[in-house]
Amino acid sequence: MAQTGAGIQELMAAETRASQIVAEARMGEYNLDSLFEELVSCQNKSILISTKRRICVARPRRGNRMKQAKADAQELIDSYRAEKQEEFNNMVLSKGGTEGSASAQLQADTDKEISELQAEFKKNAQKAVDVLLSKCCEVSLEVPTARVRATQKLAGVTN
């Protein structure tokens, strides 16, 4: 009878320890691999099996906590980004006036320069064509004196 009482006490202690391990695993304070190693050292196989089942339930919960933490972090990042963007927009408005007027002024200046360059092109286009045609169609029939001397030297003719 004493052995039965000791066995029950041992079983209760093992069950209590298994519950503690599962609770630690749920809280994320325990490495699940080392948890399995500790459970393997357990003498009672039924407690081992029930604890493994509890841990398998704890793993998805831990994953859900990680997903929730990631979502919370993303929400915090988005709010921070929106806050900084608002600060930047306020600074731009205070320093440079409105974005629309600066952009419109730049566009007007660009359009004016483009029209000026197009007018200069139309004015000088015919002059450029005339210069090119005169150089292409003008053929000089004179032989340069340097070429005459070089040819005479090769032929051995002296002046």
C-alpha atoms as a PDB file:
ATOM      1  CA  MET A   1       0.000   0.000   0.000  1.00  0.00           C
ATOM      2  CA  ALA A   2       2.921   2.348   0.696  1.00  0.00           C
ATOM      3  CA  GLN A   3       4.217   1.708  -2.790  1.00  0.00           C
ATOM      4  CA  THR A   4       0.867   2.631  -4.285  1.00  0.00           C
ATOM      5  CA  GLY A   5       0.839   5.890  -2.339  1.00  0.00           C
ATOM      6  CA  ALA A   6       4.406   6.673  -3.442  1.00  0.00           C
ATOM      7  CA  GLY A   7       3.514   5.912  -7.064  1.00  0.00           C
ATOM      8  CA  ILE A   8       0.515   8.231  -6.880  1.00  0.00           C
ATOM      9  CA  GLN A   9       2.665  10.949  -5.319  1.00  0.00           C
ATOM     10  CA  GLU A  10       5.259  10.508  -8.072  1.00  0.00           C
ATOM     11  CA  LEU A  11       2.523  10.646 -10.709  1.00  0.00           C
ATOM     12  CA  MET A  12       1.099  13.850  -9.212  1.00  0.00           C
ATOM     13  CA  ALA A  13       4.548  15.484  -9.085  1.00  0.00           C
ATOM     14  CA  ALA A  14       5.232  14.546 -12.704  1.00  0.00           C
ATOM     15  CA  GLU A  15       1.828  15.874 -13.768  1.00  0.00           C
ATOM     16  CA  THR A  16       2.485  19.145 -11.919  1.00  0.00           C
ATOM     17  CA  ARG A  17       5.920  19.508 -13.545  1.00  0.00           C
ATOM     18  CA  ALA A  18       4.422  18.785 -16.969  1.00  0.00           C
ATOM     19  CA  SER A  19       1.773  21.463 -16.415  1.00  0.00           C
ATOM     20  CA  GLN A  20       4.499  23.947 -15.451  1.00  0.00           C
ATOM     21  CA  ILE A  21       6.494  23.102 -18.576  1.00  0.00           C
ATOM     22  CA  VAL A  22       3.442  23.551 -20.779  1.00  0.00           C
ATOM     23  CA  ALA A  23       2.635  26.864 -19.109  1.00  0.00           C
ATOM     24  CA  GLU A  24       6.195  28.082 -19.719  1.00  0.00           C
ATOM     25  CA  ALA A  25       5.991  26.942 -23.324  1.00  0.00           C
ATOM     26  CA  ARG A  26       2.737  28.863 -23.793  1.00  0.00           C
ATOM     27  CA  MET A  27       4.314  31.993 -22.385  1.00  0.00           C
ATOM     28  CA  GLY A  28       7.208  31.616 -24.793  1.00  0.00           C
ATOM     29  CA  GLU A  29       9.784  31.501 -22.022  1.00  0.00           C
ATOM     30  CA  TYR A  30      10.881  27.976 -22.792  1.00  0.00           C
ATOM     31  CA  ASN A  31      12.751  26.546 -25.765  1.00  0.00           C
ATOM     32  CA  LEU A  32      10.520  23.796 -27.142  1.00  0.00           C
ATOM     33  CA  ASP A  33      13.443  21.587 -28.170  1.00  0.00           C
ATOM     34  CA  SER A  34      14.897  21.552 -24.665  1.00  0.00           C
ATOM     35  CA  LEU A  35      11.357  20.991 -23.399  1.00  0.00           C
ATOM     36  CA  PHE A  36      11.118  17.751 -25.362  1.00  0.00           C
ATOM     37  CA  GLU A  37      14.504  16.653 -24.028  1.00  0.00           C
ATOM     38  CA  GLU A  38      13.319  17.257 -20.476  1.00  0.00           C
ATOM     39  CA  LEU A  39      10.121  15.328 -21.114  1.00  0.00           C
ATOM     40  CA  VAL A  40      12.040  12.368 -22.522  1.00  0.00           C
ATOM     41  CA  SER A  41      13.759  12.022 -19.172  1.00  0.00           C
ATOM     42  CA  CYS A  42      10.321  11.651 -17.624  1.00  0.00           C
ATOM     43  CA  GLN A  43       9.660   8.100 -16.344  1.00  0.00           C
ATOM     44  CA  ASN A  44       5.916   7.930 -16.910  1.00  0.00           C
ATOM     45  CA  LYS A  45       5.075   7.527 -20.624  1.00  0.00           C
ATOM     46  CA  SER A  46       1.413   8.560 -20.324  1.00  0.00           C
ATOM     47  CA  ILE A  47       2.456  11.917 -18.869  1.00  0.00           C
ATOM     48  CA  LEU A  48       5.015  12.263 -21.648  1.00  0.00           C
ATOM     49  CA  ILE A  49       2.364  11.710 -24.311  1.00  0.00           C
ATOM     50  CA  SER A  50      -0.186  14.054 -22.744  1.00  0.00           C
ATOM     51  CA  THR A  51       2.446  16.764 -22.309  1.00  0.00           C
ATOM     52  CA  LYS A  52       3.544  16.446 -25.934  1.00  0.00           C
ATOM     53  CA  ARG A  53      -0.068  16.916 -26.991  1.00  0.00           C
ATOM     54  CA  ARG A  54      -0.321  20.043 -24.861  1.00  0.00           C
ATOM     55  CA  ILE A  55       2.880  21.408 -26.378  1.00  0.00           C
ATOM     56  CA  CYS A  56       1.569  20.795 -29.877  1.00  0.00           C
ATOM     57  CA  VAL A  57      -1.388  22.967 -28.908  1.00  0.00           C
ATOM     58  CA  ALA A  58       0.968  25.602 -27.464  1.00  0.00           C
ATOM     59  CA  ARG A  59       3.027  25.924 -30.680  1.00  0.00           C
ATOM     60  CA  PRO A  60       0.233  27.379 -32.837  1.00  0.00           C
ATOM     61  CA  ARG A  61      -0.638  29.789 -30.045  1.00  0.00           C
ATOM     62  CA  ARG A  62       2.948  30.945 -30.009  1.00  0.00           C
ATOM     63  CA  GLY A  63       2.798  31.367 -33.785  1.00  0.00           C
ATOM     64  CA  ASN A  64      -0.392  33.369 -33.436  1.00  0.00           C
ATOM     65  CA  ARG A  65       1.301  35.611 -30.869  1.00  0.00           C
ATOM     66  CA  MET A  66       4.163  36.155 -33.317  1.00  0.00           C
ATOM     67  CA  LYS A  67       1.723  37.048 -36.100  1.00  0.00           C
ATOM     68  CA  GLN A  68      -0.098  39.432 -33.798  1.00  0.00           C
ATOM     69  CA  ALA A  69       3.182  41.036 -32.725  1.00  0.00           C
ATOM     70  CA  LYS A  70       4.172  41.470 -36.374  1.00  0.00           C
ATOM     71  CA  ALA A  71       0.809  43.066 -37.204  1.00  0.00           C
ATOM     72  CA  ASP A  72       1.125  45.401 -34.216  1.00  0.00           C
ATOM     73  CA  ALA A  73       4.650  46.367 -35.253  1.00  0.00           C
ATOM     74  CA  GLN A  74       3.508  47.067 -38.829  1.00  0.00           C
ATOM     75  CA  GLU A  75       0.668  49.227 -37.513  1.00  0.00           C
ATOM     76  CA  LEU A  76       3.131  51.171 -35.362  1.00  0.00           C
ATOM     77  CA  ILE A  77       5.477  51.634 -38.322  1.00  0.00           C
ATOM     78  CA  ASP A  78       2.633  52.854 -40.534  1.00  0.00           C
ATOM     79  CA  SER A  79       1.473  55.387 -37.960  1.00  0.00           C
ATOM     80  CA  TYR A  80       5.051  56.647 -37.476  1.00  0.00           C
ATOM     81  CA  ARG A  81       5.524  56.934 -41.241  1.00  0.00           C
ATOM     82  CA  ALA A  82       2.254  58.868 -41.601  1.00  0.00           C
ATOM     83  CA  GLU A  83       3.281  61.197 -38.762  1.00  0.00           C
ATOM     84  CA  LYS A  84       6.681  61.909 -40.339  1.00  0.00           C
ATOM     85  CA  GLN A  85       5.103  62.410 -43.778  1.00  0.00           C
ATOM     86  CA  GLU A  86       2.707  64.949 -42.283  1.00  0.00           C
ATOM     87  CA  GLU A  87       5.630  66.777 -40.618  1.00  0.00           C
ATOM     88  CA  PHE A  88       7.505  66.837 -43.921  1.00  0.00           C
ATOM     89  CA  ASN A  89       4.484  68.159 -45.822  1.00  0.00           C
ATOM     90  CA  ASN A  90       3.991  70.905 -43.233  1.00  0.00           C
ATOM     91  CA  MET A  91       7.661  71.866 -43.460  1.00  0.00           C
ATOM     92  CA  VAL A  92       7.538  72.015 -47.271  1.00  0.00           C
ATOM     93  CA  LEU A  93       4.425  74.171 -47.172  1.00  0.00           C
ATOM     94  CA  SER A  94       5.932  76.541 -44.612  1.00  0.00           C
ATOM     95  CA  LYS A  95       9.290  76.884 -46.386  1.00  0.00           C
ATOM     96  CA  GLY A  96       8.377  76.851 -50.054  1.00  0.00           C
ATOM     97  CA  GLY A  97       4.782  77.917 -50.240  1.00  0.00           C
ATOM     98  CA  THR A  98       2.430  75.658 -52.115  1.00  0.00           C
ATOM     99  CA  GLU A  99       3.727  72.856 -54.248  1.00  0.00           C
ATOM    100  CA  GLY A 100       1.351  73.720 -57.078  1.00  0.00           C
ATOM    101  CA  SER A 101       2.605  77.276 -57.644  1.00  0.00           C
ATOM    102  CA  ALA A 102       6.280  76.255 -57.722  1.00  0.00           C
ATOM    103  CA  SER A 103       5.507  73.456 -60.139  1.00  0.00           C
ATOM    104  CA  ALA A 104       3.408  75.734 -62.332  1.00  0.00           C
ATOM    105  CA  GLN A 105       6.163  78.358 -62.407  1.00  0.00           C
ATOM    106  CA  LEU A 106       8.750  75.766 -63.390  1.00  0.00           C
ATOM    107  CA  GLN A 107       6.475  74.445 -66.151  1.00  0.00           C
ATOM    108  CA  ALA A 108       5.889  77.979 -67.493  1.00  0.00           C
ATOM    109  CA  ASP A 109       9.641  78.725 -67.581  1.00  0.00           C
ATOM    110  CA  THR A 110      10.328  75.441 -69.358  1.00  0.00           C
ATOM    111  CA  ASP A 111       7.629  76.062 -71.976  1.00  0.00           C
ATOM    112  CA  LYS A 112       9.006  79.571 -72.613  1.00  0.00           C
ATOM    113  CA  GLU A 113      12.553  78.267 -73.145  1.00  0.00           C
ATOM    114  CA  ILE A 114      11.313  75.544 -75.484  1.00  0.00           C
ATOM    115  CA  SER A 115       9.415  78.054 -77.639  1.00  0.00           C
ATOM    116  CA  GLU A 116      12.494  80.335 -77.807  1.00  0.00           C
ATOM    117  CA  LEU A 117      14.711  77.452 -78.910  1.00  0.00           C
ATOM    118  CA  GLN A 118      12.204  76.396 -81.572  1.00  0.00           C
ATOM    119  CA  ALA A 119      12.075  79.950 -82.941  1.00  0.00           C
ATOM    120  CA  GLU A 120      15.879  80.113 -83.158  1.00  0.00           C
ATOM    121  CA  PHE A 121      15.924  76.749 -84.918  1.00  0.00           C
ATOM    122  CA  LYS A 122      13.430  77.926 -87.556  1.00  0.00           C
ATOM    123  CA  LYS A 123      15.427  81.115 -88.076  1.00  0.00           C
ATOM    124  CA  ASN A 124      18.802  79.356 -88.514  1.00  0.00           C
ATOM    125  CA  ALA A 125      17.699  76.131 -90.229  1.00  0.00           C
ATOM    126  CA  GLN A 126      17.876  77.519 -93.789  1.00  0.00           C
ATOM    127  CA  LYS A 127      21.304  79.071 -93.169  1.00  0.00           C
ATOM    128  CA  ALA A 128      22.649  75.701 -91.979  1.00  0.00           C
ATOM    129  CA  VAL A 129      21.228  73.918 -95.041  1.00  0.00           C
ATOM    130  CA  ASP A 130      22.766  76.544 -97.368  1.00  0.00           C
ATOM    131  CA  VAL A 131      26.222  76.151 -95.778  1.00  0.00           C
ATOM    132  CA  LEU A 132      26.081  72.364 -96.103  1.00  0.00           C
ATOM    133  CA  LEU A 133      24.971  72.489 -99.740  1.00  0.00           C
ATOM    134  CA  SER A 134      27.639  75.027-100.694  1.00  0.00           C
ATOM    135  CA  LYS A 135      30.376  72.845 -99.203  1.00  0.00           C
ATOM    136  CA  CYS A 136      29.053  69.684-100.865  1.00  0.00           C
ATOM    137  CA  CYS A 137      28.490  71.159-104.323  1.00  0.00           C
ATOM    138  CA  GLU A 138      31.617  73.305-104.481  1.00  0.00           C
ATOM    139  CA  VAL A 139      34.408  71.393-106.219  1.00  0.00           C
ATOM    140  CA  SER A 140      37.831  72.955-106.496  1.00  0.00           C
ATOM    141  CA  LEU A 141      39.782  71.881-109.606  1.00  0.00           C
ATOM    142  CA  GLU A 142      43.093  73.304-108.402  1.00  0.00           C
ATOM    143  CA  VAL A 143      45.817  70.899-107.334  1.00  0.00           C
ATOM    144  CA  PRO A 144      47.501  72.050-104.151  1.00  0.00           C
ATOM    145  CA  THR A 145      51.154  73.039-104.584  1.00  0.00           C
ATOM    146  CA  ALA A 146      52.249  70.627-101.882  1.00  0.00           C
ATOM    147  CA  ARG A 147      50.744  67.752-103.856  1.00  0.00           C
ATOM    148  CA  VAL A 148      52.518  68.940-107.073  1.00  0.00           C
ATOM    149  CA  ARG A 149      55.894  69.053-105.321  1.00  0.00           C
ATOM    150  CA  ALA A 150      55.415  65.633-103.756  1.00  0.00           C
ATOM    151  CA  THR A 151      54.541  64.102-107.135  1.00  0.00           C
ATOM    152  CA  GLN A 152      57.528  65.779-108.833  1.00  0.00           C
ATOM    153  CA  LYS A 153      59.833  64.536-106.102  1.00  0.00           C
ATOM    154  CA  LEU A 154      58.620  60.963-106.564  1.00  0.00           C
ATOM    155  CA  ALA A 155      59.056  61.186-110.324  1.00  0.00           C
ATOM    156  CA  GLY A 156      62.532  62.661-109.943  1.00  0.00           C
ATOM    157  CA  VAL A 157      61.681  65.861-111.782  1.00  0.00           C
ATOM    158  CA  THR A 158      63.442  69.019-110.592  1.00  0.00           C
ATOM    159  CA  ASN A 159      62.437  72.574-111.310  1.00  0.00           C
END
